[in-house]
Amino acid sequence: QRNLLSFPALEASNGAAPLFAGGATLGGRFEPLDPSRMYEDHTHAFYEDEGTGTAPLKGAPLQPINFKIPDGARNTAAGK
């Protein structure tokens, strides 16, 4: 099953990869993203390591994701 994310991207203040604002389509229904309930789970995360390909991240604890919302960003998924 494919989970679709909407735009725009939010840059995480802790240097994590950007996520998309708005929400995700999960199981056929739209779920708004709530940054206060989102955590990074590095137990199943991967990163691209140039030269060696994709390598798993190991041993990283769960951490809250703190977002910096760009000026002028708007939630297009909600029509705002």
Protein backbone atom coordinates (compact mmCIF):
# COMPACT_ATOMS: atom_id res chain seq x y z
CA GLN A 1 0.00 0.00 0.00
CA ARG A 2 1.26 3.46 -0.88
CA ASN A 3 1.07 6.31 1.62
CA LEU A 4 0.89 9.68 -0.10
CA LEU A 5 2.19 12.86 1.52
CA SER A 6 1.09 16.35 0.61
CA PHE A 7 3.14 19.55 0.24
CA PRO A 8 4.97 21.73 1.31
CA ALA A 9 8.00 20.17 2.97
CA LEU A 10 8.91 21.09 6.55
CA GLU A 11 12.54 21.22 7.59
CA ALA A 12 13.17 19.51 10.92
CA SER A 13 15.21 21.68 13.29
CA ASN A 14 17.23 18.65 14.43
CA GLY A 15 18.61 18.07 10.92
CA ALA A 16 16.31 15.16 10.08
CA ALA A 17 15.05 14.73 6.53
CA PRO A 18 12.13 17.04 5.63
CA LEU A 19 8.57 15.80 5.95
CA PHE A 20 5.59 17.15 4.05
CA ALA A 21 3.01 19.37 5.71
CA GLY A 22 -0.69 18.72 5.42
CA GLY A 23 -1.19 15.04 6.02
CA ALA A 24 -0.95 11.53 4.73
CA THR A 25 -3.44 9.29 2.97
CA LEU A 26 -3.48 6.12 5.07
CA GLY A 27 -5.72 3.22 4.18
CA GLY A 28 -7.81 5.39 1.88
CA ARG A 29 -8.51 8.16 4.39
CA PHE A 30 -6.72 11.47 4.94
CA GLU A 31 -4.95 11.87 8.28
CA PRO A 32 -3.62 15.33 9.15
CA LEU A 33 -0.05 15.38 10.41
CA ASP A 34 0.30 16.42 14.05
CA PRO A 35 3.96 17.26 14.71
CA SER A 36 3.40 17.06 18.48
CA ARG A 37 2.61 13.33 18.12
CA MET A 38 5.32 12.48 15.58
CA TYR A 39 8.51 10.72 16.54
CA GLU A 40 11.49 9.53 14.58
CA ASP A 41 11.85 5.77 14.64
CA HIS A 42 15.36 4.98 13.43
CA THR A 43 14.97 1.25 14.02
CA HIS A 44 13.57 0.88 10.49
CA ALA A 45 15.01 4.04 8.90
CA PHE A 46 17.52 4.14 6.06
CA TYR A 47 19.80 6.77 4.62
CA GLU A 48 21.71 7.03 1.37
CA ASP A 49 25.44 6.67 1.95
CA GLU A 50 27.36 7.62 -1.18
CA GLY A 51 29.83 4.88 -2.07
CA THR A 52 28.25 2.09 -0.05
CA GLY A 53 24.61 2.43 -1.04
CA THR A 54 21.75 2.37 1.44
CA ALA A 55 22.76 1.57 5.00
CA PRO A 56 20.50 1.10 8.04
CA LEU A 57 20.64 3.47 11.00
CA LYS A 58 21.15 1.50 14.20
CA GLY A 59 20.89 2.33 17.87
CA ALA A 60 19.25 5.73 17.56
CA PRO A 61 16.55 6.43 20.19
CA LEU A 62 13.10 7.80 19.45
CA GLN A 63 13.16 11.59 19.47
CA PRO A 64 10.45 14.22 18.98
CA ILE A 65 10.58 15.95 15.61
CA ASN A 66 10.72 19.74 15.98
CA PHE A 67 9.65 21.53 12.82
CA LYS A 68 10.52 24.96 11.48
CA ILE A 69 7.57 26.04 9.33
CA PRO A 70 8.76 28.30 6.47
CA ASP A 71 7.28 31.80 6.23
CA GLY A 72 4.35 31.81 3.84
CA ALA A 73 3.81 28.04 4.10
CA ARG A 74 0.20 27.00 3.88
CA ASN A 75 -1.74 23.81 4.15
CA THR A 76 -2.89 23.21 0.58
CA ALA A 77 -4.41 19.84 1.44
CA ALA A 78 -6.98 21.49 3.71
CA GLY A 79 -7.66 24.26 1.20
CA LYS A 80 -6.34 26.96 3.51
